[in-house]
PDB file of N, CA and C in Angstrom:
ATOM      1  N   MET A   1      20.091  89.905  55.324  1.00  0.00           N
ATOM      2  CA  MET A   1      19.949  91.245  55.860  1.00  0.00           C
ATOM      3  C   MET A   1      19.205  91.183  57.175  1.00  0.00           C
ATOM      4  N   ALA A   2      19.359  92.228  57.945  1.00  0.00           N
ATOM      5  CA  ALA A   2      18.648  92.298  59.222  1.00  0.00           C
ATOM      6  C   ALA A   2      17.157  92.358  58.971  1.00  0.00           C
ATOM      7  N   GLY A   3      16.389  91.732  59.853  1.00  0.00           N
ATOM      8  CA  GLY A   3      14.940  91.640  59.680  1.00  0.00           C
ATOM      9  C   GLY A   3      14.247  92.978  59.546  1.00  0.00           C
ATOM     10  N   ASN A   4      14.647  93.963  60.344  1.00  0.00           N
ATOM     11  CA  ASN A   4      13.981  95.256  60.296  1.00  0.00           C
ATOM     12  C   ASN A   4      14.280  96.011  59.013  1.00  0.00           C
ATOM     13  N   ILE A   5      15.442  95.834  58.473  1.00  0.00           N
ATOM     14  CA  ILE A   5      15.811  96.516  57.235  1.00  0.00           C
ATOM     15  C   ILE A   5      15.036  95.943  56.054  1.00  0.00           C
ATOM     16  N   ASP A   6      14.682  94.676  56.121  1.00  0.00           N
ATOM     17  CA  ASP A   6      13.972  94.024  55.017  1.00  0.00           C
ATOM     18  C   ASP A   6      12.682  94.747  54.647  1.00  0.00           C
ATOM     19  N   GLU A   7      11.929  95.209  55.641  1.00  0.00           N
ATOM     20  CA  GLU A   7      10.669  95.910  55.372  1.00  0.00           C
ATOM     21  C   GLU A   7      10.903  97.196  54.591  1.00  0.00           C
ATOM     22  N   VAL A   8      11.893  97.955  55.002  1.00  0.00           N
ATOM     23  CA  VAL A   8      12.197  99.224  54.340  1.00  0.00           C
ATOM     24  C   VAL A   8      12.698  98.963  52.927  1.00  0.00           C
ATOM     25  N   VAL A   9      13.570  97.983  52.775  1.00  0.00           N
ATOM     26  CA  VAL A   9      14.108  97.640  51.448  1.00  0.00           C
ATOM     27  C   VAL A   9      12.981  97.171  50.525  1.00  0.00           C
ATOM     28  N   ALA A  10      12.092  96.337  51.016  1.00  0.00           N
ATOM     29  CA  ALA A  10      10.958  95.862  50.205  1.00  0.00           C
ATOM     30  C   ALA A  10      10.087  97.031  49.751  1.00  0.00           C
ATOM     31  N   PHE A  11       9.858  97.983  50.646  1.00  0.00           N
ATOM     32  CA  PHE A  11       9.074  99.171  50.285  1.00  0.00           C
ATOM     33  C   PHE A  11       9.785  99.971  49.197  1.00  0.00           C
ATOM     34  N   LEU A  12      11.083 100.209  49.373  1.00  0.00           N
ATOM     35  CA  LEU A  12      11.831 100.989  48.389  1.00  0.00           C
ATOM     36  C   LEU A  12      11.875 100.295  47.036  1.00  0.00           C
ATOM     37  N   LEU A  13      12.018  98.983  47.034  1.00  0.00           N
ATOM     38  CA  LEU A  13      11.995  98.232  45.772  1.00  0.00           C
ATOM     39  C   LEU A  13      10.624  98.323  45.109  1.00  0.00           C
ATOM     40  N   SER A  14       9.561  98.172  45.880  1.00  0.00           N
ATOM     41  CA  SER A  14       8.203  98.209  45.315  1.00  0.00           C
ATOM     42  C   SER A  14       7.860  99.588  44.753  1.00  0.00           C
ATOM     43  N   GLU A  15       8.419 100.639  45.352  1.00  0.00           N
ATOM     44  CA  GLU A  15       8.170 102.002  44.878  1.00  0.00           C
ATOM     45  C   GLU A  15       9.197 102.454  43.842  1.00  0.00           C
ATOM     46  N   ARG A  16      10.087 101.545  43.468  1.00  0.00           N
ATOM     47  CA  ARG A  16      11.158 101.815  42.494  1.00  0.00           C
ATOM     48  C   ARG A  16      12.059 102.968  42.939  1.00  0.00           C
ATOM     49  N   LEU A  17      12.322 103.001  44.240  1.00  0.00           N
ATOM     50  CA  LEU A  17      13.233 103.985  44.807  1.00  0.00           C
ATOM     51  C   LEU A  17      14.595 103.360  45.101  1.00  0.00           C
ATOM     52  N   LEU A  18      14.714 102.080  44.827  1.00  0.00           N
ATOM     53  CA  LEU A  18      15.955 101.335  44.991  1.00  0.00           C
ATOM     54  C   LEU A  18      16.067 100.407  43.781  1.00  0.00           C
ATOM     55  N   THR A  19      17.152 100.541  43.020  1.00  0.00           N
ATOM     56  CA  THR A  19      17.326  99.706  41.836  1.00  0.00           C
ATOM     57  C   THR A  19      17.871  98.337  42.233  1.00  0.00           C
ATOM     58  N   GLU A  20      17.802  97.412  41.318  1.00  0.00           N
ATOM     59  CA  GLU A  20      18.356  96.080  41.570  1.00  0.00           C
ATOM     60  C   GLU A  20      19.856  96.151  41.819  1.00  0.00           C
ATOM     61  N   PHE A  21      20.539  97.047  41.099  1.00  0.00           N
ATOM     62  CA  PHE A  21      21.978  97.210  41.315  1.00  0.00           C
ATOM     63  C   PHE A  21      22.248  97.725  42.732  1.00  0.00           C
ATOM     64  N   GLN A  22      21.510  98.742  43.149  1.00  0.00           N
ATOM     65  CA  GLN A  22      21.679  99.280  44.500  1.00  0.00           C
ATOM     66  C   GLN A  22      21.350  98.223  45.548  1.00  0.00           C
ATOM     67  N   PHE A  23      20.367  97.384  45.266  1.00  0.00           N
ATOM     68  CA  PHE A  23      20.002  96.306  46.173  1.00  0.00           C
ATOM     69  C   PHE A  23      21.142  95.299  46.299  1.00  0.00           C
ATOM     70  N   SER A  24      21.788  94.975  45.175  1.00  0.00           N
ATOM     71  CA  SER A  24      22.908  94.028  45.223  1.00  0.00           C
ATOM     72  C   SER A  24      24.091  94.622  45.990  1.00  0.00           C
ATOM     73  N   VAL A  25      24.318  95.932  45.849  1.00  0.00           N
ATOM     74  CA  VAL A  25      25.369  96.596  46.617  1.00  0.00           C
ATOM     75  C   VAL A  25      25.018  96.561  48.097  1.00  0.00           C
ATOM     76  N   LEU A  26      23.774  96.815  48.433  1.00  0.00           N
ATOM     77  CA  LEU A  26      23.315  96.797  49.824  1.00  0.00           C
ATOM     78  C   LEU A  26      23.545  95.430  50.459  1.00  0.00           C
ATOM     79  N   LYS A  27      23.273  94.361  49.727  1.00  0.00           N
ATOM     80  CA  LYS A  27      23.458  93.012  50.268  1.00  0.00           C
ATOM     81  C   LYS A  27      24.921  92.734  50.604  1.00  0.00           C
ATOM     82  N   GLN A  28      25.851  93.378  49.886  1.00  0.00           N
ATOM     83  CA  GLN A  28      27.273  93.142  50.104  1.00  0.00           C
ATOM     84  C   GLN A  28      27.885  94.075  51.147  1.00  0.00           C
ATOM     85  N   GLU A  29      27.169  95.119  51.530  1.00  0.00           N
ATOM     86  CA  GLU A  29      27.678  96.094  52.493  1.00  0.00           C
ATOM     87  C   GLU A  29      27.798  95.493  53.883  1.00  0.00           C
ATOM     88  N   SER A  30      28.852  95.877  54.595  1.00  0.00           N
ATOM     89  CA  SER A  30      29.007  95.400  55.975  1.00  0.00           C
ATOM     90  C   SER A  30      28.116  96.195  56.923  1.00  0.00           C
ATOM     91  N   ASP A  31      27.893  97.487  56.635  1.00  0.00           N
ATOM     92  CA  ASP A  31      27.028  98.324  57.458  1.00  0.00           C
ATOM     93  C   ASP A  31      25.776  98.684  56.648  1.00  0.00           C
ATOM     94  N   LYS A  32      24.840  97.763  56.609  1.00  0.00           N
ATOM     95  CA  LYS A  32      23.643  97.923  55.793  1.00  0.00           C
ATOM     96  C   LYS A  32      22.795  99.112  56.224  1.00  0.00           C
ATOM     97  N   ALA A  33      22.682  99.321  57.523  1.00  0.00           N
ATOM     98  CA  ALA A  33      21.873 100.434  58.030  1.00  0.00           C
ATOM     99  C   ALA A  33      22.438 101.776  57.562  1.00  0.00           C
ATOM    100  N   LYS A  34      23.748 101.920  57.609  1.00  0.00           N
ATOM    101  CA  LYS A  34      24.373 103.171  57.177  1.00  0.00           C
ATOM    102  C   LYS A  34      24.169 103.391  55.681  1.00  0.00           C
ATOM    103  N   TYR A  35      24.339 102.336  54.882  1.00  0.00           N
ATOM    104  CA  TYR A  35      24.130 102.447  53.435  1.00  0.00           C
ATOM    105  C   TYR A  35      22.691 102.859  53.143  1.00  0.00           C
ATOM    106  N   LEU A  36      21.741 102.236  53.827  1.00  0.00           N
ATOM    107  CA  LEU A  36      20.326 102.540  53.614  1.00  0.00           C
ATOM    108  C   LEU A  36      20.015 103.976  54.028  1.00  0.00           C
ATOM    109  N   CYS A  37      20.571 104.416  55.127  1.00  0.00           N
ATOM    110  CA  CYS A  37      20.373 105.790  55.593  1.00  0.00           C
ATOM    111  C   CYS A  37      20.911 106.795  54.577  1.00  0.00           C
ATOM    112  N   LEU A  38      22.105 106.548  54.057  1.00  0.00           N
ATOM    113  CA  LEU A  38      22.686 107.434  53.045  1.00  0.00           C
ATOM    114  C   LEU A  38      21.841 107.445  51.773  1.00  0.00           C
ATOM    115  N   HIS A  39      21.309 106.288  51.403  1.00  0.00           N
ATOM    116  CA  HIS A  39      20.459 106.206  50.213  1.00  0.00           C
ATOM    117  C   HIS A  39      19.171 107.010  50.417  1.00  0.00           C
ATOM    118  N   LEU A  40      18.561 106.891  51.594  1.00  0.00           N
ATOM    119  CA  LEU A  40      17.344 107.656  51.888  1.00  0.00           C
ATOM    120  C   LEU A  40      17.621 109.164  51.859  1.00  0.00           C
ATOM    121  N   GLU A  41      18.754 109.582  52.407  1.00  0.00           N
ATOM    122  CA  GLU A  41      19.116 111.003  52.384  1.00  0.00           C
ATOM    123  C   GLU A  41      19.338 111.482  50.950  1.00  0.00           C
ATOM    124  N   ASP A  42      19.926 110.626  50.111  1.00  0.00           N
ATOM    125  CA  ASP A  42      20.129 110.971  48.704  1.00  0.00           C
ATOM    126  C   ASP A  42      18.788 111.118  47.988  1.00  0.00           C
ATOM    127  N   LEU A  43      17.843 110.228  48.287  1.00  0.00           N
ATOM    128  CA  LEU A  43      16.507 110.330  47.692  1.00  0.00           C
ATOM    129  C   LEU A  43      15.833 111.637  48.103  1.00  0.00           C
ATOM    130  N   LYS A  44      16.046 112.035  49.332  1.00  0.00           N
ATOM    131  CA  LYS A  44      15.482 113.295  49.824  1.00  0.00           C
ATOM    132  C   LYS A  44      16.107 114.488  49.093  1.00  0.00           C
ATOM    133  N   LYS A  45      17.417 114.465  48.910  1.00  0.00           N
ATOM    134  CA  LYS A  45      18.118 115.564  48.225  1.00  0.00           C
ATOM    135  C   LYS A  45      17.681 115.698  46.777  1.00  0.00           C
ATOM    136  N   THR A  46      17.422 114.566  46.120  1.00  0.00           N
ATOM    137  CA  THR A  46      17.018 114.589  44.716  1.00  0.00           C
ATOM    138  C   THR A  46      15.508 114.740  44.563  1.00  0.00           C
ATOM    139  N   GLU A  47      14.826 115.016  45.677  1.00  0.00           N
ATOM    140  CA  GLU A  47      13.393 115.290  45.719  1.00  0.00           C
ATOM    141  C   GLU A  47      12.519 114.139  45.228  1.00  0.00           C
ATOM    142  N   LYS A  48      13.005 112.914  45.411  1.00  0.00           N
ATOM    143  CA  LYS A  48      12.177 111.747  45.113  1.00  0.00           C
ATOM    144  C   LYS A  48      11.306 111.396  46.311  1.00  0.00           C
ATOM    145  N   LEU A  49      11.653 111.966  47.470  1.00  0.00           N
ATOM    146  CA  LEU A  49      10.840 111.825  48.674  1.00  0.00           C
ATOM    147  C   LEU A  49      10.334 113.206  49.065  1.00  0.00           C
ATOM    148  N   LEU A  50       9.048 113.282  49.386  1.00  0.00           N
ATOM    149  CA  LEU A  50       8.502 114.543  49.848  1.00  0.00           C
ATOM    150  C   LEU A  50       8.843 114.785  51.313  1.00  0.00           C
ATOM    151  N   LEU A  51       8.933 113.691  52.072  1.00  0.00           N
ATOM    152  CA  LEU A  51       9.266 113.798  53.490  1.00  0.00           C
ATOM    153  C   LEU A  51      10.037 112.563  53.918  1.00  0.00           C
ATOM    154  N   LEU A  52      11.081 112.793  54.674  1.00  0.00           N
ATOM    155  CA  LEU A  52      11.840 111.726  55.309  1.00  0.00           C
ATOM    156  C   LEU A  52      12.054 112.170  56.743  1.00  0.00           C
ATOM    157  N   ASP A  53      11.470 111.442  57.685  1.00  0.00           N
ATOM    158  CA  ASP A  53      11.534 111.852  59.081  1.00  0.00           C
ATOM    159  C   ASP A  53      11.931 110.666  59.947  1.00  0.00           C
ATOM    160  N   TYR A  54      12.891 110.919  60.843  1.00  0.00           N
ATOM    161  CA  TYR A  54      13.343 109.919  61.805  1.00  0.00           C
ATOM    162  C   TYR A  54      12.958 110.403  63.194  1.00  0.00           C
ATOM    163  N   GLU A  55      12.503 109.496  64.030  1.00  0.00           N
ATOM    164  CA  GLU A  55      12.268 109.817  65.434  1.00  0.00           C
ATOM    165  C   GLU A  55      12.843 108.677  66.258  1.00  0.00           C
ATOM    166  N   TRP A  56      13.756 109.017  67.147  1.00  0.00           N
ATOM    167  CA  TRP A  56      14.400 108.009  67.985  1.00  0.00           C
ATOM    168  C   TRP A  56      14.194 108.393  69.431  1.00  0.00           C
ATOM    169  N   VAL A  57      13.476 107.558  70.163  1.00  0.00           N
ATOM    170  CA  VAL A  57      13.196 107.785  71.580  1.00  0.00           C
ATOM    171  C   VAL A  57      13.921 106.697  72.363  1.00  0.00           C
ATOM    172  N   ILE A  58      14.694 107.106  73.346  1.00  0.00           N
ATOM    173  CA  ILE A  58      15.471 106.135  74.122  1.00  0.00           C
ATOM    174  C   ILE A  58      14.741 105.700  75.388  1.00  0.00           C
ATOM    175  N   LEU A  59      14.152 106.657  76.106  1.00  0.00           N
ATOM    176  CA  LEU A  59      13.480 106.339  77.368  1.00  0.00           C
ATOM    177  C   LEU A  59      11.991 106.621  77.273  1.00  0.00           C
ATOM    178  N   PRO A  60      11.131 105.908  77.888  1.00  0.00           N
ATOM    179  CA  PRO A  60      11.357 104.786  78.789  1.00  0.00           C
ATOM    180  C   PRO A  60      11.681 103.496  78.045  1.00  0.00           C
ATOM    181  N   VAL A  61      11.300 103.410  76.771  1.00  0.00           N
ATOM    182  CA  VAL A  61      11.610 102.238  75.952  1.00  0.00           C
ATOM    183  C   VAL A  61      12.185 102.743  74.641  1.00  0.00           C
ATOM    184  N   GLU A  62      13.286 102.135  74.193  1.00  0.00           N
ATOM    185  CA  GLU A  62      13.885 102.561  72.931  1.00  0.00           C
ATOM    186  C   GLU A  62      12.929 102.255  71.777  1.00  0.00           C
ATOM    187  N   ARG A  63      12.720 103.277  70.946  1.00  0.00           N
ATOM    188  CA  ARG A  63      11.807 103.138  69.818  1.00  0.00           C
ATOM    189  C   ARG A  63      12.319 103.989  68.668  1.00  0.00           C
ATOM    190  N   LEU A  64      12.242 103.456  67.469  1.00  0.00           N
ATOM    191  CA  LEU A  64      12.636 104.176  66.263  1.00  0.00           C
ATOM    192  C   LEU A  64      11.440 104.228  65.340  1.00  0.00           C
ATOM    193  N   LYS A  65      11.141 105.434  64.853  1.00  0.00           N
ATOM    194  CA  LYS A  65      10.043 105.591  63.899  1.00  0.00           C
ATOM    195  C   LYS A  65      10.596 106.285  62.662  1.00  0.00           C
ATOM    196  N   LEU A  66      10.365 105.682  61.514  1.00  0.00           N
ATOM    197  CA  LEU A  66      10.821 106.208  60.231  1.00  0.00           C
ATOM    198  C   LEU A  66       9.581 106.466  59.381  1.00  0.00           C
ATOM    199  N   THR A  67       9.448 107.701  58.915  1.00  0.00           N
ATOM    200  CA  THR A  67       8.317 108.067  58.063  1.00  0.00           C
ATOM    201  C   THR A  67       8.846 108.479  56.700  1.00  0.00           C
ATOM    202  N   ILE A  68       8.288 107.859  55.654  1.00  0.00           N
ATOM    203  CA  ILE A  68       8.674 108.155  54.278  1.00  0.00           C
ATOM    204  C   ILE A  68       7.414 108.542  53.521  1.00  0.00           C
ATOM    205  N   VAL A  69       7.441 109.710  52.873  1.00  0.00           N
ATOM    206  CA  VAL A  69       6.305 110.168  52.079  1.00  0.00           C
ATOM    207  C   VAL A  69       6.787 110.424  50.659  1.00  0.00           C
ATOM    208  N   THR A  70       6.117 109.763  49.708  1.00  0.00           N
ATOM    209  CA  THR A  70       6.396 109.983  48.290  1.00  0.00           C
ATOM    210  C   THR A  70       5.168 110.648  47.677  1.00  0.00           C
ATOM    211  N   GLU A  71       5.208 110.899  46.389  1.00  0.00           N
ATOM    212  CA  GLU A  71       4.048 111.484  45.715  1.00  0.00           C
ATOM    213  C   GLU A  71       2.859 110.529  45.709  1.00  0.00           C
ATOM    214  N   ARG A  72       3.131 109.231  45.783  1.00  0.00           N
ATOM    215  CA  ARG A  72       2.062 108.235  45.687  1.00  0.00           C
ATOM    216  C   ARG A  72       1.591 107.686  47.018  1.00  0.00           C
ATOM    217  N   ILE A  73       2.472 107.626  48.011  1.00  0.00           N
ATOM    218  CA  ILE A  73       2.140 106.901  49.230  1.00  0.00           C
ATOM    219  C   ILE A  73       2.942 107.444  50.406  1.00  0.00           C
ATOM    220  N   ASN A  74       2.409 107.229  51.603  1.00  0.00           N
ATOM    221  CA  ASN A  74       3.226 107.483  52.790  1.00  0.00           C
ATOM    222  C   ASN A  74       3.298 106.189  53.581  1.00  0.00           C
ATOM    223  N   LYS A  75       4.441 105.971  54.201  1.00  0.00           N
ATOM    224  CA  LYS A  75       4.691 104.726  54.903  1.00  0.00           C
ATOM    225  C   LYS A  75       5.436 105.038  56.188  1.00  0.00           C
ATOM    226  N   GLU A  76       5.005 104.396  57.272  1.00  0.00           N
ATOM    227  CA  GLU A  76       5.640 104.579  58.561  1.00  0.00           C
ATOM    228  C   GLU A  76       6.140 103.230  59.061  1.00  0.00           C
ATOM    229  N   PHE A  77       7.380 103.212  59.491  1.00  0.00           N
ATOM    230  CA  PHE A  77       7.996 102.013  60.060  1.00  0.00           C
ATOM    231  C   PHE A  77       8.302 102.316  61.514  1.00  0.00           C
ATOM    232  N   THR A  78       7.884 101.426  62.428  1.00  0.00           N
ATOM    233  CA  THR A  78       8.147 101.611  63.847  1.00  0.00           C
ATOM    234  C   THR A  78       8.801 100.357  64.389  1.00  0.00           C
ATOM    235  N   TYR A  79       9.890 100.570  65.114  1.00  0.00           N
ATOM    236  CA  TYR A  79      10.627  99.448  65.701  1.00  0.00           C
ATOM    237  C   TYR A  79      10.868  99.738  67.185  1.00  0.00           C
ATOM    238  N   SER A  80      10.659  98.725  68.013  1.00  0.00           N
ATOM    239  CA  SER A  80      10.896  98.865  69.448  1.00  0.00           C
ATOM    240  C   SER A  80      11.941  97.874  69.905  1.00  0.00           C
TER     241      SER A  80
END
């Protein structure tokens, strides 16, 4: 898997927001980012996430910030 996705997947596995079956499907997907995004949106719809926020800034430097808040923890991922 792509290096940046590994952090998010590890977090979801540790918080039991991604099952082993879903993880095995993710490993076989050709578009891992899209699968992960759809999974996060599904978690939001089923209210397993209190907050799911994306911020994508292109200029002056491309940066992506993903914030995930659950009942137990909040986690922010930033990629440049």
